[in-house]
Amino acid sequence: MTGISHDVKTPLASLVGYLEAIECKIVAGEEKDEYVHVAFEKAHYLKHFVENLFEWVKLDSGEQVFHFEISDLNELSRNIVVDWISVLENSNFDYVFDIPETEYLMRIDTNAYSRILGNLLQNVLIHSKGTKIIFHVFEDDLQAKITITDNGKGISPDHLPHIFERMYQCDQSRSAGGNGLGLSIVKELAAAHKGTITACSTPDRGTTFTLLLPKSL
């Protein structure tokens, strides 16, 4: 609760401060426009945090309803990562998407899988400080393996065992823009598919996230 309180109160207080300056006409012209932009970003952060918080609570309490259906994992993966191309390019990230052209049918909740990949890609964009993402899909008769690798600053051995814990943040100053919920949600969604998510990292060389999903639930 202390962490949640900090993550809500700090940007909320800042948001109110910027809006008060605008409302009281303390700022004008370009400075006012800048205040509006910052207030918008603060509001967007709060919206994203609250959405993540409610999603995690539903997962943790077992209230999340999943809709598993037979889908082509490779086609689904392509459709998801294509939507991220403009985001990656705007963030000055190079990217490689290596997804088999063959069909790979498995039972999966498409919304949950999209959330998993989205959270992992977002984590790289926010935290890695890298310039390149490599996305691979490997498959065999038993399971699919999805890896997301970056060339960023890596994660220290002290932090690595804890990154999937709820509210855990490697940046203890909480200045990196995350909220400590994204990777814990990934872990819960992977578990709902009887899968696993792991990470390996070398400081100053990058990080690889590995998602394993069994072909049959």
Protein backbone atom coordinates (compact mmCIF):
# COMPACT_ATOMS: atom_id res chain seq x y z
CA MET A 1 0.00 0.00 0.00
CA THR A 2 2.93 2.33 0.65
CA GLY A 3 4.19 1.79 -2.88
CA ILE A 4 0.73 2.23 -4.38
CA SER A 5 0.18 5.40 -2.35
CA HIS A 6 3.47 6.84 -3.60
CA ASP A 7 2.73 5.96 -7.23
CA VAL A 8 -0.68 7.65 -7.07
CA LYS A 9 -0.09 10.63 -4.78
CA THR A 10 3.13 11.91 -6.34
CA PRO A 11 1.92 12.28 -9.97
CA LEU A 12 -1.52 13.37 -8.74
CA ALA A 13 -0.04 16.18 -6.65
CA SER A 14 2.11 17.22 -9.61
CA LEU A 15 -0.90 17.09 -11.95
CA VAL A 16 -2.95 19.29 -9.61
CA GLY A 17 -0.06 21.76 -9.35
CA TYR A 18 0.22 22.15 -13.13
CA LEU A 19 -3.55 22.49 -13.55
CA GLU A 20 -3.77 25.07 -10.75
CA ALA A 21 -1.09 27.15 -12.46
CA ILE A 22 -3.13 27.03 -15.68
CA GLU A 23 -6.46 27.70 -13.95
CA CYS A 24 -5.07 30.65 -12.00
CA LYS A 25 -3.45 32.06 -15.17
CA ILE A 26 0.01 31.98 -13.60
CA VAL A 27 1.37 30.78 -16.94
CA ALA A 28 0.51 31.85 -20.47
CA GLY A 29 1.53 31.32 -24.07
CA GLU A 30 4.12 28.62 -24.77
CA GLU A 31 4.67 28.00 -21.08
CA LYS A 32 0.96 27.29 -20.65
CA ASP A 33 1.07 24.87 -23.58
CA GLU A 34 4.00 23.08 -21.95
CA TYR A 35 2.09 22.85 -18.67
CA VAL A 36 -0.90 21.37 -20.49
CA HIS A 37 1.37 18.80 -22.14
CA VAL A 38 2.97 17.79 -18.83
CA ALA A 39 -0.44 17.57 -17.14
CA PHE A 40 -1.65 15.34 -19.96
CA GLU A 41 1.32 13.00 -19.47
CA LYS A 42 0.72 12.86 -15.70
CA ALA A 43 -2.95 12.03 -16.26
CA HIS A 44 -2.04 9.34 -18.80
CA TYR A 45 0.41 7.78 -16.32
CA LEU A 46 -2.27 7.67 -13.62
CA LYS A 47 -4.78 6.12 -16.02
CA HIS A 48 -2.27 3.46 -17.04
CA PHE A 49 -1.33 2.75 -13.43
CA VAL A 50 -4.94 2.36 -12.27
CA GLU A 51 -5.71 0.05 -15.22
CA ASN A 52 -2.69 -2.10 -14.38
CA LEU A 53 -3.58 -2.15 -10.71
CA PHE A 54 -7.14 -3.32 -11.34
CA GLU A 55 -5.93 -5.95 -13.79
CA TRP A 56 -3.41 -7.30 -11.30
CA VAL A 57 -6.03 -7.40 -8.51
CA LYS A 58 -8.40 -9.39 -10.76
CA LEU A 59 -5.62 -11.82 -11.65
CA ASP A 60 -4.45 -12.20 -8.06
CA SER A 61 -7.99 -12.84 -6.79
CA GLY A 62 -8.80 -15.31 -9.54
CA GLU A 63 -11.61 -13.13 -10.89
CA GLN A 64 -10.11 -12.69 -14.35
CA VAL A 65 -12.12 -14.57 -16.99
CA PHE A 66 -10.12 -16.09 -19.84
CA HIS A 67 -11.41 -17.09 -23.25
CA PHE A 68 -9.18 -19.81 -24.63
CA GLU A 69 -9.63 -20.70 -28.28
CA ILE A 70 -7.63 -22.35 -31.03
CA SER A 71 -5.51 -19.71 -32.77
CA ASP A 72 -2.46 -19.54 -34.99
CA LEU A 73 0.21 -18.24 -32.62
CA ASN A 74 2.45 -17.05 -35.45
CA GLU A 75 -0.24 -15.02 -37.19
CA LEU A 76 -1.36 -13.61 -33.85
CA SER A 77 2.23 -12.63 -33.00
CA ARG A 78 2.65 -10.88 -36.35
CA ASN A 79 -0.56 -8.92 -35.89
CA ILE A 80 0.54 -7.78 -32.43
CA VAL A 81 4.09 -6.71 -33.24
CA VAL A 82 3.04 -4.87 -36.41
CA ASP A 83 1.10 -2.45 -34.22
CA TRP A 84 4.31 -1.72 -32.31
CA ILE A 85 6.42 -0.76 -35.34
CA SER A 86 5.53 2.93 -35.26
CA VAL A 87 6.06 3.05 -31.47
CA LEU A 88 9.50 1.47 -31.82
CA GLU A 89 10.48 3.78 -34.67
CA ASN A 90 9.31 6.86 -32.79
CA SER A 91 11.44 5.69 -29.85
CA ASN A 92 14.48 5.29 -32.17
CA PHE A 93 14.57 1.52 -31.77
CA ASP A 94 15.74 -0.84 -34.49
CA TYR A 95 13.86 -4.12 -34.54
CA VAL A 96 14.00 -7.66 -35.89
CA PHE A 97 10.87 -9.82 -35.94
CA ASP A 98 11.63 -13.49 -36.63
CA ILE A 99 8.28 -15.31 -36.78
CA PRO A 100 7.76 -18.57 -38.73
CA GLU A 101 5.46 -18.39 -41.75
CA THR A 102 4.04 -21.82 -40.93
CA GLU A 103 0.82 -22.25 -38.98
CA TYR A 104 1.12 -23.10 -35.29
CA LEU A 105 -2.24 -23.81 -33.71
CA MET A 106 -2.70 -23.77 -29.96
CA ARG A 107 -5.29 -22.87 -27.35
CA ILE A 108 -4.69 -19.33 -26.20
CA ASP A 109 -6.48 -16.27 -24.87
CA THR A 110 -5.68 -13.74 -27.59
CA ASN A 111 -6.23 -10.69 -25.38
CA ALA A 112 -4.00 -12.09 -22.66
CA TYR A 113 -1.25 -12.96 -25.16
CA SER A 114 -1.44 -9.48 -26.63
CA ARG A 115 -1.13 -8.05 -23.12
CA ILE A 116 1.92 -10.23 -22.40
CA LEU A 117 3.78 -9.08 -25.49
CA GLY A 118 2.69 -5.48 -25.01
CA ASN A 119 3.93 -5.37 -21.43
CA LEU A 120 7.27 -6.95 -22.37
CA LEU A 121 7.84 -4.57 -25.27
CA GLN A 122 6.80 -1.59 -23.17
CA ASN A 123 9.20 -2.70 -20.44
CA VAL A 124 12.06 -2.67 -22.93
CA LEU A 125 11.13 0.78 -24.23
CA ILE A 126 10.88 2.29 -20.74
CA HIS A 127 13.71 0.61 -18.89
CA SER A 128 16.34 -0.88 -21.20
CA LYS A 129 17.98 2.34 -22.47
CA GLY A 130 18.76 0.29 -25.56
CA THR A 131 18.42 0.86 -29.30
CA LYS A 132 17.36 -2.54 -30.66
CA ILE A 133 14.77 -5.25 -30.01
CA ILE A 134 14.91 -8.77 -31.42
CA PHE A 135 11.68 -10.78 -31.31
CA HIS A 136 11.85 -14.53 -32.00
CA VAL A 137 9.21 -17.27 -32.04
CA PHE A 138 10.50 -20.84 -31.79
CA GLU A 139 8.22 -23.87 -31.75
CA ASP A 140 8.12 -27.65 -31.51
CA ASP A 141 5.50 -30.32 -30.94
CA LEU A 142 5.23 -29.53 -27.22
CA GLN A 143 5.56 -25.80 -26.77
CA ALA A 144 6.22 -22.38 -28.23
CA LYS A 145 9.13 -20.27 -27.06
CA ILE A 146 8.98 -16.51 -27.54
CA THR A 147 12.05 -14.43 -26.79
CA ILE A 148 12.43 -10.65 -26.65
CA THR A 149 16.02 -9.44 -26.52
CA ASP A 150 17.36 -5.90 -26.18
CA ASN A 151 20.84 -4.42 -26.29
CA GLY A 152 20.32 -2.10 -23.33
CA LYS A 153 21.88 -1.52 -19.94
CA GLY A 154 20.81 -4.90 -18.57
CA ILE A 155 19.58 -5.79 -15.09
CA SER A 156 21.93 -6.29 -12.16
CA PRO A 157 22.15 -9.76 -10.53
CA ASP A 158 20.72 -8.28 -7.32
CA HIS A 159 17.53 -7.12 -9.03
CA LEU A 160 17.04 -9.92 -11.58
CA PRO A 161 15.41 -12.50 -9.23
CA HIS A 162 12.76 -9.97 -8.18
CA ILE A 163 11.64 -8.27 -11.38
CA PHE A 164 8.43 -10.33 -11.67
CA GLU A 165 7.34 -9.49 -8.13
CA ARG A 166 4.40 -7.15 -7.68
CA MET A 167 5.38 -3.47 -7.23
CA TYR A 168 9.09 -4.24 -7.51
CA GLN A 169 11.12 -1.58 -9.29
CA CYS A 170 14.83 -1.71 -10.02
CA ASP A 171 14.87 2.07 -10.02
CA GLN A 172 14.25 2.73 -6.35
CA SER A 173 13.80 6.45 -7.03
CA ARG A 174 10.74 5.51 -9.12
CA SER A 175 11.82 8.00 -11.75
CA ALA A 176 11.97 5.62 -14.71
CA GLY A 177 8.26 5.83 -15.55
CA GLY A 178 7.20 2.29 -14.64
CA ASN A 179 4.88 1.18 -11.88
CA GLY A 180 6.16 -2.25 -10.88
CA LEU A 181 3.05 -4.06 -12.14
CA GLY A 182 3.72 -4.79 -15.81
CA LEU A 183 6.00 -7.80 -15.39
CA SER A 184 3.99 -9.25 -12.51
CA ILE A 185 0.93 -9.16 -14.79
CA VAL A 186 2.96 -10.96 -17.47
CA LYS A 187 3.85 -13.67 -14.96
CA GLU A 188 0.20 -14.17 -13.95
CA LEU A 189 -1.02 -14.27 -17.56
CA ALA A 190 1.69 -16.77 -18.52
CA ALA A 191 0.73 -18.96 -15.54
CA ALA A 192 -2.91 -18.88 -16.69
CA HIS A 193 -1.67 -20.56 -19.89
CA LYS A 194 0.36 -23.03 -17.80
CA GLY A 195 3.43 -21.27 -19.14
CA THR A 196 6.44 -19.49 -17.65
CA ILE A 197 8.29 -16.22 -18.13
CA THR A 198 11.97 -15.85 -17.25
CA ALA A 199 14.72 -13.32 -17.84
CA CYS A 200 18.47 -13.47 -18.22
CA SER A 201 20.63 -10.39 -18.37
CA THR A 202 24.19 -9.15 -18.58
CA PRO A 203 24.81 -5.63 -17.26
CA ASP A 204 25.67 -3.20 -20.07
CA ARG A 205 24.96 -5.84 -22.72
CA GLY A 206 21.22 -6.41 -22.63
CA THR A 207 18.38 -8.59 -21.44
CA THR A 208 16.39 -11.50 -22.87
CA PHE A 209 12.87 -12.37 -21.74
CA THR A 210 11.77 -15.93 -22.53
CA LEU A 211 8.10 -16.91 -22.60
CA LEU A 212 7.28 -20.62 -22.75
CA LEU A 213 3.73 -21.66 -23.65
CA PRO A 214 2.69 -25.33 -23.83
CA LYS A 215 0.86 -26.26 -27.00
CA SER A 216 -1.89 -28.04 -25.07
CA LEU A 217 -3.39 -26.66 -21.87
